[in-house]
N, C-alpha and C. Protein backbone atom coordinates (compact mmCIF):
# COMPACT_ATOMS: atom_id res chain seq x y z
N MET A 1 85.68 91.48 97.00
CA MET A 1 85.58 90.31 96.11
C MET A 1 85.62 90.76 94.65
N LYS A 2 86.48 90.15 93.87
CA LYS A 2 86.65 90.56 92.49
C LYS A 2 85.48 90.09 91.64
N GLU A 3 85.08 90.96 90.70
CA GLU A 3 83.97 90.67 89.80
C GLU A 3 84.30 89.49 88.90
N THR A 4 83.30 88.61 88.69
CA THR A 4 83.46 87.51 87.75
C THR A 4 83.18 88.04 86.35
N LEU A 5 84.11 87.83 85.43
CA LEU A 5 84.01 88.40 84.09
C LEU A 5 83.59 87.35 83.07
N ASN A 6 82.85 87.81 82.05
CA ASN A 6 82.52 86.92 80.95
C ASN A 6 83.63 87.02 79.88
N ASN A 7 83.49 86.24 78.82
CA ASN A 7 84.54 86.20 77.80
C ASN A 7 84.75 87.55 77.12
N LEU A 8 83.65 88.25 76.83
CA LEU A 8 83.77 89.55 76.18
C LEU A 8 84.52 90.54 77.07
N GLN A 9 84.18 90.54 78.35
CA GLN A 9 84.88 91.44 79.27
C GLN A 9 86.35 91.10 79.39
N GLU A 10 86.67 89.81 79.42
CA GLU A 10 88.07 89.39 79.46
C GLU A 10 88.81 89.85 78.21
N ASN A 11 88.14 89.75 77.06
CA ASN A 11 88.75 90.19 75.81
C ASN A 11 88.98 91.70 75.81
N ILE A 12 88.04 92.44 76.37
CA ILE A 12 88.20 93.89 76.45
C ILE A 12 89.42 94.24 77.29
N LEU A 13 89.56 93.58 78.43
CA LEU A 13 90.70 93.87 79.30
C LEU A 13 92.03 93.51 78.64
N ALA A 14 91.99 92.59 77.70
CA ALA A 14 93.21 92.17 77.01
C ALA A 14 93.51 93.04 75.79
N SER A 15 92.66 94.02 75.49
CA SER A 15 92.85 94.86 74.31
C SER A 15 94.17 95.62 74.38
N LYS A 16 94.77 95.80 73.22
CA LYS A 16 96.06 96.49 73.14
C LYS A 16 95.93 97.96 72.74
N HIS A 17 94.71 98.38 72.43
CA HIS A 17 94.51 99.74 71.94
C HIS A 17 93.27 100.34 72.63
N TRP A 18 93.48 101.35 73.45
CA TRP A 18 92.41 101.93 74.26
C TRP A 18 92.20 103.39 73.87
N ILE A 19 90.96 103.72 73.57
CA ILE A 19 90.58 105.09 73.24
C ILE A 19 89.57 105.57 74.28
N PHE A 20 89.84 106.74 74.84
CA PHE A 20 88.99 107.28 75.89
C PHE A 20 88.35 108.59 75.46
N ASP A 21 87.08 108.76 75.82
CA ASP A 21 86.50 110.09 75.91
C ASP A 21 87.17 110.76 77.10
N MET A 22 87.06 112.08 77.20
CA MET A 22 87.73 112.76 78.31
C MET A 22 86.73 113.22 79.39
N ASP A 23 85.91 114.23 79.06
CA ASP A 23 85.00 114.79 80.07
C ASP A 23 83.92 113.79 80.46
N GLY A 24 83.83 113.50 81.74
CA GLY A 24 82.85 112.54 82.23
C GLY A 24 83.33 111.11 82.21
N THR A 25 84.53 110.90 81.63
CA THR A 25 85.09 109.56 81.53
C THR A 25 86.40 109.49 82.31
N LEU A 26 87.41 110.21 81.84
CA LEU A 26 88.66 110.32 82.59
C LEU A 26 88.59 111.43 83.63
N THR A 27 87.66 112.35 83.43
CA THR A 27 87.46 113.43 84.39
C THR A 27 86.01 113.39 84.87
N ILE A 28 85.77 113.95 86.04
CA ILE A 28 84.41 114.07 86.55
C ILE A 28 83.68 115.13 85.74
N GLY A 29 82.52 114.79 85.21
CA GLY A 29 81.79 115.72 84.35
C GLY A 29 81.37 116.99 85.09
N VAL A 30 81.84 118.14 84.61
CA VAL A 30 81.47 119.42 85.22
C VAL A 30 80.76 120.34 84.23
N HIS A 31 80.69 119.93 82.96
CA HIS A 31 80.05 120.78 81.97
C HIS A 31 78.56 120.93 82.26
N ASP A 32 78.10 122.17 82.26
CA ASP A 32 76.68 122.48 82.42
C ASP A 32 76.13 122.79 81.04
N PHE A 33 75.67 121.76 80.34
CA PHE A 33 75.22 121.94 78.97
C PHE A 33 73.94 122.75 78.88
N THR A 34 73.11 122.69 79.92
CA THR A 34 71.90 123.51 79.95
C THR A 34 72.28 124.98 79.96
N MET A 35 73.24 125.33 80.82
CA MET A 35 73.72 126.71 80.88
C MET A 35 74.37 127.13 79.57
N MET A 36 75.16 126.23 78.98
CA MET A 36 75.84 126.55 77.72
C MET A 36 74.82 126.84 76.61
N ARG A 37 73.78 126.01 76.52
CA ARG A 37 72.75 126.25 75.49
C ARG A 37 72.05 127.57 75.75
N SER A 38 71.78 127.87 77.02
CA SER A 38 71.12 129.13 77.36
C SER A 38 71.99 130.32 76.96
N GLU A 39 73.28 130.25 77.27
CA GLU A 39 74.20 131.34 76.93
C GLU A 39 74.31 131.54 75.42
N LEU A 40 74.17 130.44 74.69
CA LEU A 40 74.29 130.50 73.23
C LEU A 40 72.96 130.77 72.54
N GLY A 41 71.88 130.79 73.32
CA GLY A 41 70.56 131.03 72.74
C GLY A 41 70.02 129.85 71.97
N LEU A 42 70.42 128.63 72.37
CA LEU A 42 69.98 127.42 71.69
C LEU A 42 68.84 126.77 72.46
N ALA A 43 68.04 125.98 71.76
CA ALA A 43 66.95 125.25 72.39
C ALA A 43 67.52 124.15 73.28
N PRO A 44 66.76 123.74 74.31
CA PRO A 44 67.26 122.75 75.27
C PRO A 44 67.69 121.42 74.66
N ASP A 45 67.11 121.06 73.53
CA ASP A 45 67.42 119.75 72.95
C ASP A 45 68.36 119.84 71.74
N GLU A 46 68.90 121.02 71.46
CA GLU A 46 69.78 121.18 70.30
C GLU A 46 71.20 120.72 70.61
N GLY A 47 71.81 120.01 69.66
CA GLY A 47 73.22 119.66 69.79
C GLY A 47 74.07 120.90 69.59
N ILE A 48 74.94 121.21 70.54
CA ILE A 48 75.68 122.47 70.50
C ILE A 48 76.61 122.53 69.29
N LEU A 49 77.50 121.56 69.16
CA LEU A 49 78.47 121.59 68.06
C LEU A 49 77.77 121.49 66.71
N GLU A 50 76.81 120.58 66.61
CA GLU A 50 76.13 120.36 65.34
C GLU A 50 75.37 121.60 64.90
N THR A 51 74.72 122.28 65.84
CA THR A 51 73.95 123.48 65.50
C THR A 51 74.85 124.60 65.02
N VAL A 52 75.95 124.83 65.74
CA VAL A 52 76.84 125.94 65.38
C VAL A 52 77.59 125.63 64.08
N GLN A 53 77.96 124.37 63.88
CA GLN A 53 78.63 123.99 62.63
C GLN A 53 77.76 124.24 61.40
N ALA A 54 76.46 124.16 61.58
CA ALA A 54 75.53 124.33 60.47
C ALA A 54 75.25 125.81 60.16
N MET A 55 75.72 126.72 61.01
CA MET A 55 75.47 128.14 60.81
C MET A 55 76.42 128.72 59.76
N PRO A 56 76.02 129.81 59.11
CA PRO A 56 76.96 130.53 58.23
C PRO A 56 78.18 130.99 59.05
N PRO A 57 79.36 131.03 58.44
CA PRO A 57 80.59 131.35 59.19
C PRO A 57 80.51 132.63 60.00
N GLU A 58 79.91 133.67 59.44
CA GLU A 58 79.86 134.96 60.16
C GLU A 58 78.97 134.88 61.40
N GLN A 59 77.96 134.03 61.35
CA GLN A 59 77.09 133.83 62.51
C GLN A 59 77.75 132.89 63.52
N ALA A 60 78.49 131.91 63.02
CA ALA A 60 79.09 130.91 63.90
C ALA A 60 80.30 131.43 64.66
N ALA A 61 81.06 132.35 64.07
CA ALA A 61 82.33 132.79 64.67
C ALA A 61 82.18 133.26 66.12
N PRO A 62 81.25 134.18 66.43
CA PRO A 62 81.12 134.59 67.83
C PRO A 62 80.61 133.48 68.73
N MET A 63 79.86 132.55 68.15
CA MET A 63 79.38 131.41 68.95
C MET A 63 80.55 130.52 69.35
N TRP A 64 81.48 130.27 68.40
CA TRP A 64 82.65 129.46 68.74
C TRP A 64 83.47 130.14 69.82
N ASP A 65 83.58 131.46 69.77
CA ASP A 65 84.33 132.19 70.81
C ASP A 65 83.69 131.95 72.18
N LYS A 66 82.38 132.00 72.23
CA LYS A 66 81.68 131.77 73.50
C LYS A 66 81.87 130.33 73.98
N ILE A 67 81.75 129.38 73.04
CA ILE A 67 81.93 127.97 73.40
C ILE A 67 83.32 127.73 73.95
N ASN A 68 84.33 128.25 73.27
CA ASN A 68 85.71 128.05 73.72
C ASN A 68 85.95 128.66 75.10
N ALA A 69 85.39 129.85 75.33
CA ALA A 69 85.55 130.50 76.64
C ALA A 69 84.92 129.66 77.74
N MET A 70 83.73 129.12 77.48
CA MET A 70 83.07 128.29 78.48
C MET A 70 83.84 127.00 78.71
N GLU A 71 84.39 126.42 77.64
CA GLU A 71 85.15 125.17 77.80
C GLU A 71 86.44 125.40 78.59
N TYR A 72 87.10 126.54 78.38
CA TYR A 72 88.29 126.86 79.18
C TYR A 72 87.91 126.98 80.66
N HIS A 73 86.74 127.58 80.91
CA HIS A 73 86.28 127.70 82.30
C HIS A 73 86.09 126.33 82.93
N PHE A 74 85.43 125.44 82.21
CA PHE A 74 85.20 124.10 82.76
C PHE A 74 86.51 123.32 82.90
N ALA A 75 87.47 123.56 82.00
CA ALA A 75 88.78 122.90 82.11
C ALA A 75 89.47 123.27 83.41
N SER A 76 89.28 124.52 83.85
CA SER A 76 89.92 124.98 85.09
C SER A 76 89.32 124.31 86.32
N LEU A 77 88.12 123.74 86.18
CA LEU A 77 87.43 123.08 87.30
C LEU A 77 87.61 121.57 87.28
N ALA A 78 88.33 121.06 86.28
CA ALA A 78 88.39 119.62 86.06
C ALA A 78 89.04 118.87 87.22
N LYS A 79 88.48 117.72 87.52
CA LYS A 79 89.05 116.80 88.52
C LYS A 79 89.06 115.41 87.91
N PRO A 80 90.08 114.61 88.21
CA PRO A 80 90.14 113.27 87.63
C PRO A 80 89.02 112.38 88.15
N MET A 81 88.50 111.54 87.27
CA MET A 81 87.54 110.53 87.70
C MET A 81 88.25 109.56 88.64
N PRO A 82 87.62 109.14 89.73
CA PRO A 82 88.25 108.13 90.60
C PRO A 82 88.70 106.92 89.80
N GLY A 83 89.93 106.52 89.99
CA GLY A 83 90.47 105.36 89.29
C GLY A 83 91.15 105.69 87.97
N ALA A 84 91.01 106.94 87.47
CA ALA A 84 91.57 107.28 86.16
C ALA A 84 93.09 107.14 86.15
N PHE A 85 93.76 107.72 87.14
CA PHE A 85 95.22 107.67 87.16
C PHE A 85 95.69 106.22 87.29
N GLU A 86 95.04 105.47 88.18
CA GLU A 86 95.44 104.08 88.41
C GLU A 86 95.23 103.22 87.16
N LEU A 87 94.11 103.44 86.47
CA LEU A 87 93.85 102.66 85.26
C LEU A 87 94.86 102.99 84.17
N LEU A 88 95.09 104.27 83.94
CA LEU A 88 96.03 104.66 82.88
C LEU A 88 97.44 104.19 83.21
N GLU A 89 97.82 104.26 84.47
CA GLU A 89 99.13 103.77 84.89
C GLU A 89 99.24 102.27 84.63
N HIS A 90 98.19 101.55 84.96
CA HIS A 90 98.15 100.10 84.75
C HIS A 90 98.27 99.76 83.27
N LEU A 91 97.50 100.47 82.43
CA LEU A 91 97.53 100.20 81.00
C LEU A 91 98.88 100.59 80.39
N GLN A 92 99.44 101.69 80.87
CA GLN A 92 100.74 102.12 80.38
C GLN A 92 101.81 101.07 80.70
N GLU A 93 101.74 100.50 81.89
CA GLU A 93 102.70 99.47 82.28
C GLU A 93 102.55 98.22 81.42
N LYS A 94 101.35 97.98 80.92
CA LYS A 94 101.11 96.83 80.03
C LYS A 94 101.58 97.10 78.60
N GLY A 95 101.91 98.35 78.30
CA GLY A 95 102.41 98.70 76.98
C GLY A 95 101.36 98.88 75.91
N VAL A 96 100.12 99.17 76.32
CA VAL A 96 99.07 99.35 75.33
C VAL A 96 99.13 100.77 74.75
N ASN A 97 98.48 100.97 73.60
CA ASN A 97 98.33 102.31 73.04
C ASN A 97 97.19 103.02 73.74
N LEU A 98 97.40 104.28 74.07
CA LEU A 98 96.39 105.08 74.75
C LEU A 98 96.06 106.31 73.92
N GLY A 99 94.78 106.53 73.65
CA GLY A 99 94.36 107.68 72.88
C GLY A 99 93.15 108.36 73.49
N ILE A 100 92.93 109.61 73.09
CA ILE A 100 91.75 110.37 73.52
C ILE A 100 91.03 110.90 72.30
N LEU A 101 89.72 110.78 72.32
CA LEU A 101 88.86 111.34 71.28
C LEU A 101 87.84 112.24 71.97
N THR A 102 87.98 113.55 71.76
CA THR A 102 87.15 114.51 72.48
C THR A 102 86.48 115.48 71.52
N ARG A 103 85.34 116.00 71.93
CA ARG A 103 84.64 117.03 71.15
C ARG A 103 85.09 118.42 71.56
N ASN A 104 86.05 118.51 72.47
CA ASN A 104 86.65 119.79 72.82
C ASN A 104 87.65 120.22 71.76
N VAL A 105 88.23 121.44 71.92
CA VAL A 105 89.36 121.86 71.09
C VAL A 105 90.64 121.45 71.81
N MET A 106 91.72 121.33 71.04
CA MET A 106 92.96 120.79 71.58
C MET A 106 93.49 121.55 72.80
N PRO A 107 93.57 122.89 72.79
CA PRO A 107 94.11 123.57 73.98
C PRO A 107 93.31 123.27 75.24
N VAL A 108 91.99 123.16 75.10
CA VAL A 108 91.15 122.84 76.26
C VAL A 108 91.41 121.41 76.72
N ALA A 109 91.54 120.49 75.77
CA ALA A 109 91.81 119.10 76.13
C ALA A 109 93.14 118.98 76.87
N LEU A 110 94.17 119.66 76.36
CA LEU A 110 95.49 119.59 76.99
C LEU A 110 95.46 120.23 78.38
N GLN A 111 94.74 121.34 78.52
CA GLN A 111 94.64 122.00 79.82
C GLN A 111 93.89 121.13 80.82
N THR A 112 92.83 120.48 80.37
CA THR A 112 92.06 119.60 81.24
C THR A 112 92.93 118.45 81.75
N LEU A 113 93.66 117.81 80.85
CA LEU A 113 94.53 116.70 81.25
C LEU A 113 95.61 117.16 82.22
N LYS A 114 96.17 118.34 81.96
CA LYS A 114 97.21 118.87 82.85
C LYS A 114 96.64 119.18 84.23
N THR A 115 95.47 119.79 84.27
CA THR A 115 94.82 120.12 85.54
C THR A 115 94.58 118.86 86.37
N CYS A 116 94.27 117.75 85.69
CA CYS A 116 93.96 116.49 86.36
C CYS A 116 95.19 115.60 86.55
N ASN A 117 96.37 116.08 86.13
CA ASN A 117 97.61 115.31 86.25
C ASN A 117 97.55 114.01 85.46
N LEU A 118 96.86 114.06 84.31
CA LEU A 118 96.76 112.89 83.44
C LEU A 118 97.50 113.09 82.13
N ASP A 119 98.14 114.24 81.96
CA ASP A 119 98.76 114.59 80.68
C ASP A 119 99.95 113.69 80.34
N GLY A 120 100.60 113.10 81.33
CA GLY A 120 101.77 112.29 81.08
C GLY A 120 101.48 110.95 80.41
N PHE A 121 100.21 110.59 80.31
CA PHE A 121 99.86 109.29 79.73
C PHE A 121 99.61 109.36 78.23
N PHE A 122 99.52 110.57 77.67
CA PHE A 122 99.12 110.71 76.27
C PHE A 122 100.10 111.60 75.50
N THR A 123 100.50 111.14 74.32
CA THR A 123 101.28 111.97 73.42
C THR A 123 100.33 112.80 72.57
N ALA A 124 100.82 113.94 72.10
CA ALA A 124 99.96 114.88 71.38
C ALA A 124 99.30 114.25 70.16
N ASN A 125 100.03 113.38 69.45
CA ASN A 125 99.46 112.78 68.23
C ASN A 125 98.42 111.71 68.53
N ASN A 126 98.27 111.35 69.80
CA ASN A 126 97.25 110.38 70.19
C ASN A 126 96.02 111.03 70.82
N ILE A 127 95.95 112.37 70.72
CA ILE A 127 94.79 113.13 71.21
C ILE A 127 94.12 113.78 70.01
N LEU A 128 92.89 113.43 69.74
CA LEU A 128 92.16 114.01 68.62
C LEU A 128 91.01 114.87 69.15
N ASP A 129 90.98 116.12 68.69
CA ASP A 129 89.91 117.04 69.11
C ASP A 129 88.90 117.19 67.97
N ARG A 130 87.95 118.11 68.13
CA ARG A 130 86.90 118.24 67.13
C ARG A 130 87.39 118.84 65.82
N ALA A 131 88.60 119.43 65.84
CA ALA A 131 89.16 119.96 64.60
C ALA A 131 90.00 118.92 63.86
N SER A 132 90.33 117.82 64.54
CA SER A 132 91.18 116.79 63.94
C SER A 132 90.43 115.87 63.00
N CYS A 133 89.12 115.78 63.20
CA CYS A 133 88.30 114.85 62.43
C CYS A 133 86.84 115.20 62.69
N GLU A 134 85.95 114.57 61.95
CA GLU A 134 84.53 114.78 62.21
C GLU A 134 84.21 114.29 63.62
N PRO A 135 83.56 115.12 64.45
CA PRO A 135 83.36 114.76 65.86
C PRO A 135 82.48 113.53 66.05
N LYS A 136 82.63 112.90 67.21
CA LYS A 136 81.71 111.83 67.61
C LYS A 136 80.28 112.36 67.54
N PRO A 137 79.32 111.55 67.13
CA PRO A 137 79.32 110.09 67.04
C PRO A 137 79.93 109.50 65.77
N HIS A 138 80.45 110.35 64.89
CA HIS A 138 81.13 109.83 63.69
C HIS A 138 82.38 109.06 64.13
N PRO A 139 82.66 107.93 63.49
CA PRO A 139 83.80 107.11 63.92
C PRO A 139 85.15 107.54 63.36
N ALA A 140 85.21 108.68 62.66
CA ALA A 140 86.44 109.07 61.96
C ALA A 140 87.65 109.11 62.88
N GLY A 141 87.49 109.63 64.09
CA GLY A 141 88.62 109.74 65.01
C GLY A 141 89.15 108.38 65.43
N ILE A 142 88.25 107.45 65.67
CA ILE A 142 88.67 106.10 66.03
C ILE A 142 89.42 105.46 64.88
N VAL A 143 88.89 105.62 63.67
CA VAL A 143 89.55 105.05 62.50
C VAL A 143 90.94 105.64 62.32
N LEU A 144 91.08 106.95 62.52
CA LEU A 144 92.39 107.59 62.40
C LEU A 144 93.39 107.01 63.40
N LEU A 145 92.96 106.86 64.64
CA LEU A 145 93.86 106.32 65.66
C LEU A 145 94.24 104.88 65.36
N LEU A 146 93.27 104.08 64.95
CA LEU A 146 93.58 102.68 64.65
C LEU A 146 94.53 102.57 63.45
N ASP A 147 94.33 103.42 62.45
CA ASP A 147 95.25 103.43 61.30
C ASP A 147 96.66 103.83 61.75
N GLN A 148 96.71 104.83 62.60
CA GLN A 148 98.00 105.32 63.10
C GLN A 148 98.73 104.23 63.89
N TRP A 149 97.99 103.45 64.65
CA TRP A 149 98.57 102.38 65.46
C TRP A 149 98.69 101.06 64.69
N ARG A 150 98.15 101.02 63.47
CA ARG A 150 98.06 99.77 62.70
C ARG A 150 97.38 98.69 63.54
N ALA A 151 96.28 99.11 64.13
CA ALA A 151 95.56 98.26 65.08
C ALA A 151 94.35 97.60 64.42
N LYS A 152 94.02 96.43 64.90
CA LYS A 152 92.81 95.75 64.47
C LYS A 152 91.63 96.18 65.34
N PRO A 153 90.46 96.41 64.76
CA PRO A 153 89.29 96.74 65.57
C PRO A 153 89.01 95.69 66.65
N SER A 154 89.29 94.44 66.35
CA SER A 154 89.01 93.36 67.31
C SER A 154 89.91 93.42 68.54
N ASP A 155 90.96 94.24 68.50
CA ASP A 155 91.90 94.36 69.61
C ASP A 155 91.85 95.76 70.21
N SER A 156 90.69 96.44 70.05
CA SER A 156 90.58 97.84 70.44
C SER A 156 89.29 98.08 71.22
N VAL A 157 89.28 99.15 72.00
CA VAL A 157 88.12 99.46 72.83
C VAL A 157 87.94 100.96 72.96
N MET A 158 86.67 101.39 72.99
CA MET A 158 86.30 102.79 73.23
C MET A 158 85.61 102.88 74.57
N VAL A 159 86.11 103.78 75.43
CA VAL A 159 85.54 103.97 76.76
C VAL A 159 84.96 105.38 76.85
N GLY A 160 83.67 105.48 77.19
CA GLY A 160 83.05 106.79 77.28
C GLY A 160 81.84 106.80 78.18
N ASP A 161 81.34 108.00 78.43
CA ASP A 161 80.21 108.15 79.36
C ASP A 161 78.92 108.55 78.65
N TYR A 162 78.98 108.75 77.32
CA TYR A 162 77.79 109.26 76.64
C TYR A 162 77.52 108.46 75.37
N LEU A 163 76.30 108.57 74.89
CA LEU A 163 75.86 107.83 73.72
C LEU A 163 76.77 108.04 72.52
N PHE A 164 77.23 109.29 72.30
CA PHE A 164 78.08 109.57 71.15
C PHE A 164 79.35 108.72 71.16
N ASP A 165 79.91 108.50 72.34
CA ASP A 165 81.12 107.68 72.45
C ASP A 165 80.84 106.24 72.02
N LEU A 166 79.72 105.74 72.48
CA LEU A 166 79.34 104.35 72.19
C LEU A 166 78.98 104.19 70.71
N GLU A 167 78.26 105.16 70.16
CA GLU A 167 77.89 105.10 68.75
C GLU A 167 79.14 105.13 67.86
N ALA A 168 80.10 105.96 68.23
CA ALA A 168 81.35 106.03 67.46
C ALA A 168 82.08 104.70 67.52
N GLY A 169 82.13 104.10 68.70
CA GLY A 169 82.79 102.82 68.85
C GLY A 169 82.12 101.73 68.02
N LYS A 170 80.80 101.68 68.10
CA LYS A 170 80.07 100.66 67.34
C LYS A 170 80.25 100.86 65.83
N ALA A 171 80.22 102.13 65.39
CA ALA A 171 80.39 102.40 63.96
C ALA A 171 81.78 102.01 63.46
N ALA A 172 82.76 102.04 64.37
CA ALA A 172 84.13 101.64 64.01
C ALA A 172 84.36 100.15 64.26
N ASN A 173 83.32 99.47 64.73
CA ASN A 173 83.38 98.01 64.95
C ASN A 173 84.37 97.63 66.05
N ILE A 174 84.46 98.47 67.09
CA ILE A 174 85.30 98.11 68.23
C ILE A 174 84.43 97.97 69.48
N ALA A 175 84.98 97.33 70.49
CA ALA A 175 84.25 97.12 71.74
C ALA A 175 83.97 98.45 72.44
N THR A 176 82.85 98.52 73.14
CA THR A 176 82.47 99.75 73.83
C THR A 176 82.28 99.50 75.32
N VAL A 177 82.83 100.40 76.12
CA VAL A 177 82.65 100.37 77.56
C VAL A 177 81.96 101.67 77.96
N HIS A 178 80.83 101.56 78.66
CA HIS A 178 80.10 102.73 79.12
C HIS A 178 80.30 102.90 80.61
N ILE A 179 80.96 104.00 81.01
CA ILE A 179 81.06 104.31 82.43
C ILE A 179 79.89 105.21 82.81
N ASP A 180 79.13 104.75 83.77
CA ASP A 180 77.96 105.47 84.27
C ASP A 180 77.97 105.32 85.78
N THR A 181 78.39 106.37 86.48
CA THR A 181 78.54 106.28 87.93
C THR A 181 77.21 106.06 88.64
N SER A 182 76.10 106.30 87.94
CA SER A 182 74.78 106.04 88.53
C SER A 182 74.35 104.59 88.31
N ALA A 183 75.11 103.87 87.49
CA ALA A 183 74.83 102.46 87.17
C ALA A 183 73.48 102.27 86.46
N GLN A 184 73.01 103.28 85.76
CA GLN A 184 71.75 103.16 85.02
C GLN A 184 71.95 102.54 83.64
N HIS A 185 73.02 102.93 82.95
CA HIS A 185 73.38 102.39 81.63
C HIS A 185 72.19 102.35 80.67
N PRO A 186 71.78 103.53 80.18
CA PRO A 186 70.56 103.62 79.38
C PRO A 186 70.69 103.21 77.91
N TRP A 187 71.88 102.82 77.46
CA TRP A 187 72.04 102.45 76.05
C TRP A 187 72.65 101.05 75.93
N PRO A 188 71.94 100.03 76.42
CA PRO A 188 72.50 98.68 76.41
C PRO A 188 72.79 98.14 75.01
N HIS A 189 72.03 98.60 74.01
CA HIS A 189 72.24 98.13 72.64
C HIS A 189 73.54 98.65 72.06
N MET A 190 74.13 99.67 72.69
CA MET A 190 75.39 100.24 72.22
C MET A 190 76.56 99.89 73.15
N THR A 191 76.26 99.19 74.24
CA THR A 191 77.24 98.97 75.30
C THR A 191 77.63 97.50 75.40
N ASP A 192 78.93 97.23 75.25
CA ASP A 192 79.42 95.86 75.45
C ASP A 192 79.67 95.58 76.93
N TRP A 193 80.05 96.61 77.67
CA TRP A 193 80.31 96.43 79.11
C TRP A 193 79.96 97.73 79.82
N GLY A 194 79.01 97.66 80.72
CA GLY A 194 78.64 98.82 81.51
C GLY A 194 79.32 98.77 82.87
N ILE A 195 80.05 99.83 83.20
CA ILE A 195 80.74 99.90 84.49
C ILE A 195 80.30 101.17 85.22
N LYS A 196 80.52 101.21 86.51
CA LYS A 196 80.26 102.44 87.27
C LYS A 196 81.54 103.01 87.87
N ASP A 197 82.65 102.30 87.70
CA ASP A 197 83.91 102.70 88.32
C ASP A 197 85.05 102.24 87.43
N LEU A 198 86.00 103.13 87.15
CA LEU A 198 87.13 102.78 86.27
C LEU A 198 88.00 101.68 86.87
N HIS A 199 87.95 101.51 88.17
CA HIS A 199 88.74 100.44 88.79
C HIS A 199 88.34 99.06 88.25
N GLN A 200 87.11 98.95 87.72
CA GLN A 200 86.64 97.68 87.18
C GLN A 200 87.45 97.24 85.95
N LEU A 201 88.17 98.18 85.35
CA LEU A 201 88.93 97.89 84.15
C LEU A 201 90.39 97.54 84.45
N ILE A 202 90.72 97.45 85.71
CA ILE A 202 92.08 97.07 86.08
C ILE A 202 92.09 95.56 86.36
N ASP A 203 92.75 94.82 85.48
CA ASP A 203 92.69 93.36 85.54
C ASP A 203 93.84 92.78 86.37
N ASN A 204 93.71 92.90 87.66
CA ASN A 204 94.72 92.25 88.53
C ASN A 204 94.04 91.68 89.77
């Protein structure tokens, strides 16, 4: 039985500009952030990118090398989120713009998409990594993509699995979809539509 949608959800499905987080959204989350913090010597509650970015360059350089190596490892383990291929295929057939905003580096993002057979849905200029703009939760990447597409925020949506994705979407004044396979959805104030399965975004 198909889900009954409210007006906001109907408007989201009609959006012409879709921006996705990658890890945990289009792919099944495999990153072990506890292990990564341990390997980097960071406290359990420290933001990895934010902490290393704040370090002096000579101290940060070996840390970035470690982070990149770990991210390449996780890219090799990537698997598509159930429904990801079907959703992207559906949206592509509708002629919408598709973009990715990730806190990874570009080579890792491209390798992850290729491993998951999702690379054919995105052009290189529609994938923004952490070097392309200030990383999420800052909305800079969303703003860049919308400017590039000459898109209105009211016709755009950000889909992600973590608070940073939702905060970036809200700061850019676009609709936010939170995918949470556990159906807990702990950030309702940042979430316009909470889903547990990407199939929910296929409007047919």
